[in-house]
PDB file of N, CA and C in Angstrom:
ATOM      1  N   MET A   1      29.241 -27.792  14.756  1.00  0.00           N
ATOM      2  CA  MET A   1      28.466 -28.588  13.725  1.00  0.00           C
ATOM      3  C   MET A   1      29.364 -29.092  12.687  1.00  0.00           C
ATOM      4  N   THR A   2      29.364 -30.469  12.226  1.00  0.00           N
ATOM      5  CA  THR A   2      30.357 -30.842  11.101  1.00  0.00           C
ATOM      6  C   THR A   2      29.581 -30.443   9.898  1.00  0.00           C
ATOM      7  N   ASP A   3      30.219 -30.769   8.923  1.00  0.00           N
ATOM      8  CA  ASP A   3      29.797 -30.652   7.425  1.00  0.00           C
ATOM      9  C   ASP A   3      28.581 -31.430   7.000  1.00  0.00           C
ATOM     10  N   MET A   4      28.521 -32.635   7.689  1.00  0.00           N
ATOM     11  CA  MET A   4      27.586 -33.664   7.658  1.00  0.00           C
ATOM     12  C   MET A   4      26.346 -33.152   7.947  1.00  0.00           C
ATOM     13  N   THR A   5      26.258 -32.572   9.223  1.00  0.00           N
ATOM     14  CA  THR A   5      25.003 -32.154   9.793  1.00  0.00           C
ATOM     15  C   THR A   5      24.456 -30.798   8.794  1.00  0.00           C
ATOM     16  N   GLN A   6      25.549 -30.093   8.724  1.00  0.00           N
ATOM     17  CA  GLN A   6      25.036 -29.051   7.817  1.00  0.00           C
ATOM     18  C   GLN A   6      24.309 -29.119   6.567  1.00  0.00           C
ATOM     19  N   ASP A   7      24.970 -30.258   6.037  1.00  0.00           N
ATOM     20  CA  ASP A   7      24.372 -30.761   4.504  1.00  0.00           C
ATOM     21  C   ASP A   7      23.022 -31.310   5.003  1.00  0.00           C
ATOM     22  N   LYS A   8      23.050 -31.870   5.953  1.00  0.00           N
ATOM     23  CA  LYS A   8      21.529 -32.728   6.144  1.00  0.00           C
ATOM     24  C   LYS A   8      20.543 -31.587   6.500  1.00  0.00           C
ATOM     25  N   ALA A   9      21.047 -30.481   7.321  1.00  0.00           N
ATOM     26  CA  ALA A   9      19.944 -29.353   7.802  1.00  0.00           C
ATOM     27  C   ALA A   9      19.764 -28.724   6.358  1.00  0.00           C
ATOM     28  N   MET A  10      20.754 -28.408   5.347  1.00  0.00           N
ATOM     29  CA  MET A  10      20.373 -27.667   4.402  1.00  0.00           C
ATOM     30  C   MET A  10      19.005 -28.596   3.360  1.00  0.00           C
ATOM     31  N   MET A  11      19.573 -29.693   3.180  1.00  0.00           N
ATOM     32  CA  MET A  11      18.655 -30.540   2.478  1.00  0.00           C
ATOM     33  C   MET A  11      17.009 -30.658   3.229  1.00  0.00           C
ATOM     34  N   ARG A  12      17.137 -30.610   4.399  1.00  0.00           N
ATOM     35  CA  ARG A  12      15.998 -30.521   5.215  1.00  0.00           C
ATOM     36  C   ARG A  12      15.047 -29.459   4.931  1.00  0.00           C
ATOM     37  N   LEU A  13      15.912 -28.200   5.038  1.00  0.00           N
ATOM     38  CA  LEU A  13      15.073 -26.956   4.723  1.00  0.00           C
ATOM     39  C   LEU A  13      15.088 -26.814   3.377  1.00  0.00           C
ATOM     40  N   TYR A  14      15.674 -27.531   2.228  1.00  0.00           N
ATOM     41  CA  TYR A  14      15.109 -27.368   0.925  1.00  0.00           C
ATOM     42  C   TYR A  14      13.977 -28.196   0.652  1.00  0.00           C
ATOM     43  N   GLU A  15      13.949 -29.326   1.243  1.00  0.00           N
ATOM     44  CA  GLU A  15      12.708 -30.248   1.139  1.00  0.00           C
ATOM     45  C   GLU A  15      11.332 -29.628   1.521  1.00  0.00           C
ATOM     46  N   HIS A  16      11.500 -28.763   2.913  1.00  0.00           N
ATOM     47  CA  HIS A  16      10.515 -28.132   3.562  1.00  0.00           C
ATOM     48  C   HIS A  16       9.927 -26.990   2.497  1.00  0.00           C
ATOM     49  N   LEU A  17      10.974 -26.127   2.205  1.00  0.00           N
ATOM     50  CA  LEU A  17      10.702 -25.130   1.243  1.00  0.00           C
ATOM     51  C   LEU A  17       9.835 -25.565  -0.057  1.00  0.00           C
ATOM     52  N   THR A  18      10.293 -26.666  -0.605  1.00  0.00           N
ATOM     53  CA  THR A  18       9.825 -27.064  -1.935  1.00  0.00           C
ATOM     54  C   THR A  18       8.360 -28.057  -1.692  1.00  0.00           C
ATOM     55  N   THR A  19       8.183 -28.286  -0.536  1.00  0.00           N
ATOM     56  CA  THR A  19       7.151 -29.201  -0.359  1.00  0.00           C
ATOM     57  C   THR A  19       5.954 -28.313   0.228  1.00  0.00           C
ATOM     58  N   ALA A  20       6.342 -27.224   1.380  1.00  0.00           N
ATOM     59  CA  ALA A  20       5.683 -26.575   2.145  1.00  0.00           C
ATOM     60  C   ALA A  20       4.583 -25.749   1.066  1.00  0.00           C
ATOM     61  N   LYS A  21       3.383 -25.658   1.817  1.00  0.00           N
ATOM     62  CA  LYS A  21       2.289 -24.987   0.907  1.00  0.00           C
ATOM     63  C   LYS A  21       2.379 -23.700   1.360  1.00  0.00           C
ATOM     64  N   ARG A  22       2.530 -22.839   0.420  1.00  0.00           N
ATOM     65  CA  ARG A  22       2.729 -21.411   0.565  1.00  0.00           C
ATOM     66  C   ARG A  22       1.518 -20.470   0.206  1.00  0.00           C
ATOM     67  N   PRO A  23       1.282 -19.394   0.857  1.00  0.00           N
ATOM     68  CA  PRO A  23      -0.007 -18.933   0.847  1.00  0.00           C
ATOM     69  C   PRO A  23       0.116 -17.990  -0.242  1.00  0.00           C
ATOM     70  N   GLY A  24      -1.184 -17.592  -0.861  1.00  0.00           N
ATOM     71  CA  GLY A  24      -0.882 -16.772  -2.016  1.00  0.00           C
ATOM     72  C   GLY A  24      -0.910 -17.586  -3.409  1.00  0.00           C
ATOM     73  N   THR A  25      -0.673 -18.820  -3.406  1.00  0.00           N
ATOM     74  CA  THR A  25      -0.035 -19.512  -4.482  1.00  0.00           C
ATOM     75  C   THR A  25      -1.024 -20.392  -5.251  1.00  0.00           C
ATOM     76  N   LYS A  26      -2.537 -20.016  -5.031  1.00  0.00           N
ATOM     77  CA  LYS A  26      -3.383 -21.002  -5.590  1.00  0.00           C
ATOM     78  C   LYS A  26      -3.698 -21.205  -6.814  1.00  0.00           C
ATOM     79  N   PHE A  27      -3.253 -20.019  -8.024  1.00  0.00           N
ATOM     80  CA  PHE A  27      -3.193 -19.968  -9.144  1.00  0.00           C
ATOM     81  C   PHE A  27      -1.931 -20.609 -10.059  1.00  0.00           C
ATOM     82  N   VAL A  28      -0.827 -20.910  -9.224  1.00  0.00           N
ATOM     83  CA  VAL A  28       0.265 -21.237  -9.826  1.00  0.00           C
ATOM     84  C   VAL A  28       0.239 -22.432 -10.757  1.00  0.00           C
ATOM     85  N   GLY A  29      -0.371 -23.556 -10.304  1.00  0.00           N
ATOM     86  CA  GLY A  29      -0.722 -24.586 -11.067  1.00  0.00           C
ATOM     87  C   GLY A  29      -1.493 -24.521 -12.320  1.00  0.00           C
ATOM     88  N   LEU A  30      -2.259 -23.542 -12.476  1.00  0.00           N
ATOM     89  CA  LEU A  30      -3.583 -23.057 -13.366  1.00  0.00           C
ATOM     90  C   LEU A  30      -2.670 -22.695 -14.796  1.00  0.00           C
ATOM     91  N   GLY A  31      -3.489 -23.096 -15.822  1.00  0.00           N
ATOM     92  CA  GLY A  31      -3.277 -22.744 -17.273  1.00  0.00           C
ATOM     93  C   GLY A  31      -3.661 -21.489 -17.405  1.00  0.00           C
ATOM     94  N   GLU A  32      -3.125 -20.884 -18.505  1.00  0.00           N
ATOM     95  CA  GLU A  32      -3.469 -19.363 -18.850  1.00  0.00           C
ATOM     96  C   GLU A  32      -4.944 -19.018 -18.664  1.00  0.00           C
ATOM     97  N   ASP A  33      -5.789 -19.463 -19.278  1.00  0.00           N
ATOM     98  CA  ASP A  33      -7.161 -19.448 -19.254  1.00  0.00           C
ATOM     99  C   ASP A  33      -7.686 -19.504 -17.779  1.00  0.00           C
ATOM    100  N   GLU A  34      -7.444 -20.655 -17.155  1.00  0.00           N
ATOM    101  CA  GLU A  34      -7.895 -20.786 -15.854  1.00  0.00           C
ATOM    102  C   GLU A  34      -7.172 -19.800 -14.780  1.00  0.00           C
ATOM    103  N   ARG A  35      -6.189 -19.318 -15.177  1.00  0.00           N
ATOM    104  CA  ARG A  35      -5.486 -18.279 -14.282  1.00  0.00           C
ATOM    105  C   ARG A  35      -6.270 -17.126 -14.447  1.00  0.00           C
ATOM    106  N   ARG A  36      -6.483 -16.954 -15.710  1.00  0.00           N
ATOM    107  CA  ARG A  36      -7.418 -15.522 -16.019  1.00  0.00           C
ATOM    108  C   ARG A  36      -8.849 -15.571 -15.238  1.00  0.00           C
ATOM    109  N   ALA A  37      -9.388 -16.577 -15.497  1.00  0.00           N
ATOM    110  CA  ALA A  37     -10.754 -17.026 -14.887  1.00  0.00           C
ATOM    111  C   ALA A  37     -10.547 -16.524 -13.450  1.00  0.00           C
ATOM    112  N   TYR A  38      -9.851 -17.117 -12.343  1.00  0.00           N
ATOM    113  CA  TYR A  38      -9.521 -17.241 -11.224  1.00  0.00           C
ATOM    114  C   TYR A  38      -9.123 -15.868 -10.900  1.00  0.00           C
ATOM    115  N   MET A  39      -8.136 -15.101 -11.467  1.00  0.00           N
ATOM    116  CA  MET A  39      -8.195 -13.432 -11.326  1.00  0.00           C
ATOM    117  C   MET A  39      -9.483 -12.652 -11.734  1.00  0.00           C
ATOM    118  N   ARG A  40     -10.116 -13.227 -12.700  1.00  0.00           N
ATOM    119  CA  ARG A  40     -11.388 -12.369 -12.810  1.00  0.00           C
ATOM    120  C   ARG A  40     -12.429 -12.449 -11.630  1.00  0.00           C
ATOM    121  N   GLU A  41     -12.415 -13.782 -11.197  1.00  0.00           N
ATOM    122  CA  GLU A  41     -13.393 -14.005  -9.915  1.00  0.00           C
ATOM    123  C   GLU A  41     -12.648 -13.216  -8.589  1.00  0.00           C
ATOM    124  N   ALA A  42     -11.585 -13.381  -8.493  1.00  0.00           N
ATOM    125  CA  ALA A  42     -11.220 -12.559  -7.296  1.00  0.00           C
ATOM    126  C   ALA A  42     -11.315 -11.218  -7.560  1.00  0.00           C
ATOM    127  N   MET A  43     -11.236 -10.494  -8.639  1.00  0.00           N
ATOM    128  CA  MET A  43     -11.429  -9.134  -8.783  1.00  0.00           C
ATOM    129  C   MET A  43     -12.970  -8.769  -8.484  1.00  0.00           C
ATOM    130  N   ARG A  44     -13.736  -9.629  -8.891  1.00  0.00           N
ATOM    131  CA  ARG A  44     -15.201  -9.719  -8.789  1.00  0.00           C
ATOM    132  C   ARG A  44     -15.550  -9.682  -7.634  1.00  0.00           C
ATOM    133  N   LYS A  45     -15.015 -10.361  -6.715  1.00  0.00           N
ATOM    134  CA  LYS A  45     -15.170 -10.552  -5.346  1.00  0.00           C
ATOM    135  C   LYS A  45     -14.637  -9.303  -4.751  1.00  0.00           C
ATOM    136  N   SER A  46     -13.631  -8.581  -4.800  1.00  0.00           N
ATOM    137  CA  SER A  46     -12.876  -7.408  -4.537  1.00  0.00           C
ATOM    138  C   SER A  46     -14.092  -6.183  -4.821  1.00  0.00           C
ATOM    139  N   ARG A  47     -14.369  -6.312  -5.596  1.00  0.00           N
ATOM    140  CA  ARG A  47     -15.104  -5.327  -6.141  1.00  0.00           C
ATOM    141  C   ARG A  47     -16.719  -5.248  -5.502  1.00  0.00           C
ATOM    142  N   ALA A  48     -17.161  -6.548  -5.332  1.00  0.00           N
ATOM    143  CA  ALA A  48     -18.354  -6.579  -4.367  1.00  0.00           C
ATOM    144  C   ALA A  48     -18.407  -6.247  -3.027  1.00  0.00           C
ATOM    145  N   ARG A  49     -16.679  -6.421  -2.570  1.00  0.00           N
ATOM    146  CA  ARG A  49     -16.776  -6.084  -1.212  1.00  0.00           C
ATOM    147  C   ARG A  49     -16.439  -4.573  -1.075  1.00  0.00           C
ATOM    148  N   LYS A  50     -15.826  -4.087  -1.842  1.00  0.00           N
ATOM    149  CA  LYS A  50     -15.714  -2.576  -1.948  1.00  0.00           C
ATOM    150  C   LYS A  50     -17.028  -1.758  -2.108  1.00  0.00           C
ATOM    151  N   ARG A  51     -18.036  -2.449  -2.890  1.00  0.00           N
ATOM    152  CA  ARG A  51     -19.398  -1.776  -3.205  1.00  0.00           C
ATOM    153  C   ARG A  51     -20.021  -1.910  -1.579  1.00  0.00           C
ATOM    154  N   GLU A  52     -20.291  -3.272  -1.071  1.00  0.00           N
ATOM    155  CA  GLU A  52     -20.771  -3.336  -0.034  1.00  0.00           C
ATOM    156  C   GLU A  52     -20.112  -2.212   1.233  1.00  0.00           C
ATOM    157  N   ALA A  53     -19.066  -2.080   1.432  1.00  0.00           N
ATOM    158  CA  ALA A  53     -18.460  -1.384   2.374  1.00  0.00           C
ATOM    159  C   ALA A  53     -19.032   0.428   1.866  1.00  0.00           C
ATOM    160  N   ALA A  54     -19.134   0.517   0.802  1.00  0.00           N
ATOM    161  CA  ALA A  54     -19.500   1.681   0.560  1.00  0.00           C
ATOM    162  C   ALA A  54     -20.822   1.940   0.951  1.00  0.00           C
ATOM    163  N   ALA A  55     -21.581   1.053   0.812  1.00  0.00           N
ATOM    164  CA  ALA A  55     -23.142   1.125   0.991  1.00  0.00           C
ATOM    165  C   ALA A  55     -23.171   1.163   2.533  1.00  0.00           C
ATOM    166  N   ALA A  56     -22.265   0.448   3.539  1.00  0.00           N
ATOM    167  CA  ALA A  56     -22.519   0.628   4.680  1.00  0.00           C
ATOM    168  C   ALA A  56     -21.927   1.920   5.333  1.00  0.00           C
ATOM    169  N   GLY A  57     -21.434   2.771   4.500  1.00  0.00           N
ATOM    170  CA  GLY A  57     -20.457   3.822   4.816  1.00  0.00           C
ATOM    171  C   GLY A  57     -19.394   3.675   5.335  1.00  0.00           C
ATOM    172  N   ARG A  58     -18.365   2.699   5.135  1.00  0.00           N
ATOM    173  CA  ARG A  58     -17.218   2.336   5.430  1.00  0.00           C
ATOM    174  C   ARG A  58     -16.026   2.306   4.639  1.00  0.00           C
ATOM    175  N   LEU A  59     -14.965   2.122   4.954  1.00  0.00           N
ATOM    176  CA  LEU A  59     -14.113   1.891   3.737  1.00  0.00           C
ATOM    177  C   LEU A  59     -13.456   0.666   3.897  1.00  0.00           C
ATOM    178  N   GLU A  60     -13.226   0.161   2.695  1.00  0.00           N
ATOM    179  CA  GLU A  60     -12.594  -1.197   2.406  1.00  0.00           C
ATOM    180  C   GLU A  60     -11.200  -0.884   2.906  1.00  0.00           C
ATOM    181  N   ALA A  61     -10.535  -1.997   3.723  1.00  0.00           N
ATOM    182  CA  ALA A  61      -9.089  -1.834   3.956  1.00  0.00           C
ATOM    183  C   ALA A  61      -8.358  -2.256   2.996  1.00  0.00           C
ATOM    184  N   ASP A  62      -8.046  -1.816   1.673  1.00  0.00           N
ATOM    185  CA  ASP A  62      -7.315  -2.357   0.653  1.00  0.00           C
ATOM    186  C   ASP A  62      -6.098  -1.170   0.684  1.00  0.00           C
ATOM    187  N   LYS A  63      -5.177  -1.739   0.025  1.00  0.00           N
ATOM    188  CA  LYS A  63      -3.710  -0.925  -0.159  1.00  0.00           C
ATOM    189  C   LYS A  63      -4.297   0.455  -0.605  1.00  0.00           C
ATOM    190  N   ALA A  64      -4.870   0.703  -1.884  1.00  0.00           N
ATOM    191  CA  ALA A  64      -5.398   1.980  -2.330  1.00  0.00           C
ATOM    192  C   ALA A  64      -5.865   2.885  -1.445  1.00  0.00           C
ATOM    193  N   THR A  65      -6.789   2.237  -0.802  1.00  0.00           N
ATOM    194  CA  THR A  65      -7.827   3.286   0.242  1.00  0.00           C
ATOM    195  C   THR A  65      -6.813   3.393   1.570  1.00  0.00           C
ATOM    196  N   ILE A  66      -5.898   2.567   1.908  1.00  0.00           N
ATOM    197  CA  ILE A  66      -5.083   2.911   3.047  1.00  0.00           C
ATOM    198  C   ILE A  66      -3.990   4.065   2.667  1.00  0.00           C
ATOM    199  N   ARG A  67      -3.449   3.715   1.094  1.00  0.00           N
ATOM    200  CA  ARG A  67      -2.622   4.989   0.866  1.00  0.00           C
ATOM    201  C   ARG A  67      -3.275   6.405   0.919  1.00  0.00           C
ATOM    202  N   ASP A  68      -4.612   6.358   0.377  1.00  0.00           N
ATOM    203  CA  ASP A  68      -5.329   7.676   0.361  1.00  0.00           C
ATOM    204  C   ASP A  68      -5.631   8.238   1.822  1.00  0.00           C
ATOM    205  N   VAL A  69      -5.939   7.243   2.552  1.00  0.00           N
ATOM    206  CA  VAL A  69      -5.919   7.721   3.935  1.00  0.00           C
ATOM    207  C   VAL A  69      -4.523   8.554   4.551  1.00  0.00           C
ATOM    208  N   LEU A  70      -3.569   7.668   4.260  1.00  0.00           N
ATOM    209  CA  LEU A  70      -2.303   8.352   4.410  1.00  0.00           C
ATOM    210  C   LEU A  70      -1.744   9.656   3.991  1.00  0.00           C
ATOM    211  N   ALA A  71      -2.351   9.600   2.556  1.00  0.00           N
ATOM    212  CA  ALA A  71      -2.270  11.225   1.986  1.00  0.00           C
ATOM    213  C   ALA A  71      -3.238  12.104   2.688  1.00  0.00           C
ATOM    214  N   ASP A  72      -4.404  11.736   2.934  1.00  0.00           N
ATOM    215  CA  ASP A  72      -4.871  12.743   3.578  1.00  0.00           C
ATOM    216  C   ASP A  72      -4.406  13.083   4.844  1.00  0.00           C
ATOM    217  N   ALA A  73      -4.079  12.130   5.753  1.00  0.00           N
ATOM    218  CA  ALA A  73      -3.537  12.494   6.848  1.00  0.00           C
ATOM    219  C   ALA A  73      -2.344  13.640   6.874  1.00  0.00           C
ATOM    220  N   ALA A  74      -1.614  13.277   5.963  1.00  0.00           N
ATOM    221  CA  ALA A  74      -0.115  14.133   5.616  1.00  0.00           C
ATOM    222  C   ALA A  74      -0.632  15.576   5.388  1.00  0.00           C
ATOM    223  N   ILE A  75      -1.837  15.551   4.402  1.00  0.00           N
ATOM    224  CA  ILE A  75      -2.473  16.675   3.791  1.00  0.00           C
ATOM    225  C   ILE A  75      -3.013  17.643   4.994  1.00  0.00           C
ATOM    226  N   MET A  76      -3.497  16.954   5.759  1.00  0.00           N
ATOM    227  CA  MET A  76      -4.242  17.819   7.147  1.00  0.00           C
ATOM    228  C   MET A  76      -3.011  18.069   7.890  1.00  0.00           C
ATOM    229  N   LEU A  77      -2.020  17.338   8.176  1.00  0.00           N
ATOM    230  CA  LEU A  77      -0.781  17.671   9.176  1.00  0.00           C
ATOM    231  C   LEU A  77      -0.142  18.986   8.317  1.00  0.00           C
ATOM    232  N   VAL A  78       0.126  18.960   7.137  1.00  0.00           N
ATOM    233  CA  VAL A  78       0.424  20.070   6.590  1.00  0.00           C
ATOM    234  C   VAL A  78      -0.086  21.349   6.262  1.00  0.00           C
ATOM    235  N   ALA A  79      -1.447  21.200   6.420  1.00  0.00           N
ATOM    236  CA  ALA A  79      -2.531  22.318   6.480  1.00  0.00           C
ATOM    237  C   ALA A  79      -2.141  23.106   7.673  1.00  0.00           C
ATOM    238  N   THR A  80      -2.393  22.223   8.867  1.00  0.00           N
ATOM    239  CA  THR A  80      -2.466  23.000  10.126  1.00  0.00           C
ATOM    240  C   THR A  80      -0.948  22.962  10.694  1.00  0.00           C
ATOM    241  N   GLY A  81       0.086  22.416  10.018  1.00  0.00           N
ATOM    242  CA  GLY A  81       1.551  22.825  10.687  1.00  0.00           C
ATOM    243  C   GLY A  81       1.650  21.708  11.896  1.00  0.00           C
ATOM    244  N   GLY A  82       0.957  20.681  11.804  1.00  0.00           N
ATOM    245  CA  GLY A  82       1.030  19.699  12.880  1.00  0.00           C
ATOM    246  C   GLY A  82       2.362  19.088  13.032  1.00  0.00           C
ATOM    247  N   PRO A  83       2.310  18.120  14.054  1.00  0.00           N
ATOM    248  CA  PRO A  83       3.702  17.564  14.330  1.00  0.00           C
ATOM    249  C   PRO A  83       3.988  16.531  12.903  1.00  0.00           C
ATOM    250  N   GLY A  84       5.104  16.641  12.473  1.00  0.00           N
ATOM    251  CA  GLY A  84       5.655  15.862  11.304  1.00  0.00           C
ATOM    252  C   GLY A  84       5.224  16.587   9.944  1.00  0.00           C
ATOM    253  N   SER A  85       4.652  17.650   9.964  1.00  0.00           N
ATOM    254  CA  SER A  85       4.739  18.256   8.828  1.00  0.00           C
ATOM    255  C   SER A  85       5.871  18.929   8.088  1.00  0.00           C
ATOM    256  N   LYS A  86       6.945  19.082   9.060  1.00  0.00           N
ATOM    257  CA  LYS A  86       8.123  19.313   8.256  1.00  0.00           C
ATOM    258  C   LYS A  86       8.934  18.201   7.716  1.00  0.00           C
ATOM    259  N   GLU A  87       8.465  17.048   8.325  1.00  0.00           N
ATOM    260  CA  GLU A  87       9.280  15.894   7.949  1.00  0.00           C
ATOM    261  C   GLU A  87       8.378  15.402   6.428  1.00  0.00           C
ATOM    262  N   ILE A  88       7.164  15.678   6.459  1.00  0.00           N
ATOM    263  CA  ILE A  88       6.390  15.511   5.359  1.00  0.00           C
ATOM    264  C   ILE A  88       6.743  16.339   3.935  1.00  0.00           C
ATOM    265  N   LEU A  89       6.981  17.619   4.181  1.00  0.00           N
ATOM    266  CA  LEU A  89       7.538  18.325   3.323  1.00  0.00           C
ATOM    267  C   LEU A  89       9.187  18.020   2.849  1.00  0.00           C
ATOM    268  N   ALA A  90       9.662  17.877   3.997  1.00  0.00           N
ATOM    269  CA  ALA A  90      11.119  17.464   3.615  1.00  0.00           C
ATOM    270  C   ALA A  90      11.097  16.235   2.561  1.00  0.00           C
ATOM    271  N   ALA A  91      10.246  15.200   2.839  1.00  0.00           N
ATOM    272  CA  ALA A  91      10.128  14.063   1.813  1.00  0.00           C
ATOM    273  C   ALA A  91       9.729  14.509   0.579  1.00  0.00           C
ATOM    274  N   ILE A  92       8.834  15.308   0.565  1.00  0.00           N
ATOM    275  CA  ILE A  92       8.329  15.863  -0.793  1.00  0.00           C
ATOM    276  C   ILE A  92       9.403  16.521  -1.364  1.00  0.00           C
ATOM    277  N   GLY A  93      10.221  17.289  -1.117  1.00  0.00           N
ATOM    278  CA  GLY A  93      11.505  17.876  -1.374  1.00  0.00           C
ATOM    279  C   GLY A  93      12.308  16.863  -2.101  1.00  0.00           C
ATOM    280  N   ARG A  94      12.562  15.844  -1.302  1.00  0.00           N
ATOM    281  CA  ARG A  94      13.529  14.744  -1.637  1.00  0.00           C
ATOM    282  C   ARG A  94      13.047  14.081  -2.730  1.00  0.00           C
ATOM    283  N   ALA A  95      11.417  14.061  -2.900  1.00  0.00           N
ATOM    284  CA  ALA A  95      11.052  13.286  -4.069  1.00  0.00           C
ATOM    285  C   ALA A  95      11.191  13.920  -5.304  1.00  0.00           C
ATOM    286  N   PHE A  96      10.878  15.403  -5.506  1.00  0.00           N
ATOM    287  CA  PHE A  96      11.055  16.043  -6.504  1.00  0.00           C
ATOM    288  C   PHE A  96      12.587  16.659  -6.791  1.00  0.00           C
ATOM    289  N   GLY A  97      13.295  16.298  -5.927  1.00  0.00           N
ATOM    290  CA  GLY A  97      14.537  16.600  -6.082  1.00  0.00           C
ATOM    291  C   GLY A  97      15.182  18.340  -5.899  1.00  0.00           C
ATOM    292  N   ALA A  98      16.480  18.575  -6.116  1.00  0.00           N
ATOM    293  CA  ALA A  98      17.142  19.855  -5.964  1.00  0.00           C
ATOM    294  C   ALA A  98      16.942  20.632  -7.207  1.00  0.00           C
ATOM    295  N   ASP A  99      16.261  20.069  -8.414  1.00  0.00           N
ATOM    296  CA  ASP A  99      16.058  20.767  -9.425  1.00  0.00           C
ATOM    297  C   ASP A  99      14.606  21.525  -9.374  1.00  0.00           C
ATOM    298  N   ARG A 100      13.793  21.228  -8.288  1.00  0.00           N
ATOM    299  CA  ARG A 100      12.439  22.143  -8.121  1.00  0.00           C
ATOM    300  C   ARG A 100      12.379  22.047  -6.646  1.00  0.00           C
ATOM    301  N   PRO A 101      13.150  22.991  -6.252  1.00  0.00           N
ATOM    302  CA  PRO A 101      13.122  23.389  -4.779  1.00  0.00           C
ATOM    303  C   PRO A 101      12.004  24.004  -4.139  1.00  0.00           C
ATOM    304  N   GLY A 102      11.012  24.537  -5.091  1.00  0.00           N
ATOM    305  CA  GLY A 102       9.816  25.042  -4.564  1.00  0.00           C
ATOM    306  C   GLY A 102       8.774  24.314  -4.304  1.00  0.00           C
ATOM    307  N   VAL A 103       8.878  23.193  -4.683  1.00  0.00           N
ATOM    308  CA  VAL A 103       7.643  22.402  -4.743  1.00  0.00           C
ATOM    309  C   VAL A 103       6.984  22.117  -3.257  1.00  0.00           C
ATOM    310  N   PRO A 104       7.845  21.821  -2.266  1.00  0.00           N
ATOM    311  CA  PRO A 104       7.287  21.827  -0.879  1.00  0.00           C
ATOM    312  C   PRO A 104       6.456  22.967  -0.506  1.00  0.00           C
ATOM    313  N   PHE A 105       7.177  24.187  -0.775  1.00  0.00           N
ATOM    314  CA  PHE A 105       6.470  25.368  -0.522  1.00  0.00           C
ATOM    315  C   PHE A 105       5.243  25.706  -1.189  1.00  0.00           C
ATOM    316  N   SER A 106       4.854  25.528  -2.410  1.00  0.00           N
ATOM    317  CA  SER A 106       3.917  25.470  -3.157  1.00  0.00           C
ATOM    318  C   SER A 106       2.596  24.365  -2.362  1.00  0.00           C
ATOM    319  N   VAL A 107       3.324  22.945  -2.183  1.00  0.00           N
ATOM    320  CA  VAL A 107       2.515  22.010  -1.575  1.00  0.00           C
ATOM    321  C   VAL A 107       1.968  22.452  -0.299  1.00  0.00           C
ATOM    322  N   ALA A 108       2.685  23.398   0.471  1.00  0.00           N
ATOM    323  CA  ALA A 108       2.193  23.468   1.858  1.00  0.00           C
ATOM    324  C   ALA A 108       1.228  24.788   1.632  1.00  0.00           C
ATOM    325  N   ALA A 109       1.562  25.606   0.852  1.00  0.00           N
ATOM    326  CA  ALA A 109       0.508  26.673   0.410  1.00  0.00           C
ATOM    327  C   ALA A 109      -0.942  26.246   0.016  1.00  0.00           C
ATOM    328  N   ASP A 110      -0.642  25.513  -1.014  1.00  0.00           N
ATOM    329  CA  ASP A 110      -1.961  24.730  -1.272  1.00  0.00           C
ATOM    330  C   ASP A 110      -2.658  23.985  -0.440  1.00  0.00           C
ATOM    331  N   CYS A 111      -1.903  23.297   0.508  1.00  0.00           N
ATOM    332  CA  CYS A 111      -2.879  22.647   1.834  1.00  0.00           C
ATOM    333  C   CYS A 111      -3.443  23.649   2.538  1.00  0.00           C
ATOM    334  N   ARG A 112      -2.626  24.618   3.024  1.00  0.00           N
ATOM    335  CA  ARG A 112      -3.592  25.844   3.757  1.00  0.00           C
ATOM    336  C   ARG A 112      -4.493  26.384   2.971  1.00  0.00           C
ATOM    337  N   THR A 113      -4.433  26.503   1.826  1.00  0.00           N
ATOM    338  CA  THR A 113      -5.465  27.354   1.154  1.00  0.00           C
ATOM    339  C   THR A 113      -6.750  26.632   0.876  1.00  0.00           C
ATOM    340  N   GLY A 114      -6.298  25.309   0.878  1.00  0.00           N
ATOM    341  CA  GLY A 114      -7.560  24.476   0.562  1.00  0.00           C
ATOM    342  C   GLY A 114      -7.599  23.848  -1.007  1.00  0.00           C
ATOM    343  N   LYS A 115      -6.587  24.397  -1.738  1.00  0.00           N
ATOM    344  CA  LYS A 115      -6.384  23.872  -3.080  1.00  0.00           C
ATOM    345  C   LYS A 115      -6.171  22.180  -3.236  1.00  0.00           C
ATOM    346  N   ILE A 116      -5.332  21.624  -2.148  1.00  0.00           N
ATOM    347  CA  ILE A 116      -5.237  20.291  -2.112  1.00  0.00           C
ATOM    348  C   ILE A 116      -6.168  19.874  -0.898  1.00  0.00           C
ATOM    349  N   ARG A 117      -6.901  19.089  -1.111  1.00  0.00           N
ATOM    350  CA  ARG A 117      -7.658  18.691   0.047  1.00  0.00           C
ATOM    351  C   ARG A 117      -7.650  17.243   0.161  1.00  0.00           C
ATOM    352  N   PRO A 118      -8.213  16.623   1.671  1.00  0.00           N
ATOM    353  CA  PRO A 118      -8.353  15.194   1.609  1.00  0.00           C
ATOM    354  C   PRO A 118      -9.726  14.806   0.961  1.00  0.00           C
ATOM    355  N   LYS A 119      -9.412  13.622   0.554  1.00  0.00           N
ATOM    356  CA  LYS A 119     -10.118  12.848  -0.294  1.00  0.00           C
ATOM    357  C   LYS A 119     -11.329  12.027   0.650  1.00  0.00           C
ATOM    358  N   LEU A 120     -10.903  11.234   1.673  1.00  0.00           N
ATOM    359  CA  LEU A 120     -11.175  10.531   2.332  1.00  0.00           C
ATOM    360  C   LEU A 120     -11.984  10.761   4.041  1.00  0.00           C
ATOM    361  N   LEU A 121     -10.875  11.715   4.251  1.00  0.00           N
ATOM    362  CA  LEU A 121     -10.901  11.940   6.120  1.00  0.00           C
ATOM    363  C   LEU A 121     -11.859  13.127   5.863  1.00  0.00           C
ATOM    364  N   ILE A 122     -12.739  13.486   6.751  1.00  0.00           N
ATOM    365  CA  ILE A 122     -13.348  14.674   6.772  1.00  0.00           C
ATOM    366  C   ILE A 122     -12.716  15.476   8.062  1.00  0.00           C
ATOM    367  N   LYS A 123     -12.515  16.635   7.949  1.00  0.00           N
ATOM    368  CA  LYS A 123     -11.929  17.161   9.327  1.00  0.00           C
ATOM    369  C   LYS A 123     -12.940  17.427  10.287  1.00  0.00           C
ATOM    370  N   ALA A 124     -12.785  17.253  11.377  1.00  0.00           N
ATOM    371  CA  ALA A 124     -13.743  17.216  12.530  1.00  0.00           C
ATOM    372  C   ALA A 124     -13.853  18.550  13.140  1.00  0.00           C
TER     373      ALA A 124
END
């Protein structure tokens, strides 16, 4: 490839990136008040979806709920000593550092005794 074609390719890429419609940028061109109104409406819709899901007895698949479900699964694995529980406890140990070496042990004990319980998942 010659330098001229590389330059043309870079210009073409630049033009594509600057003119392409990107997802999630609906409010970029809005003023501050319009952006706040847009975000307020988006949050209202999100809360309405969450209420509808709760009324129907199902979970809304948002980031917070997914994080809670993952935490519940980790609690259940640690409580039962299931596969991956050692890795979960090792991650807890890394998160709290070497200055607090007893945290993974107390977490494991609290999961086993039921002091730490799942919030969303029900044990079958």
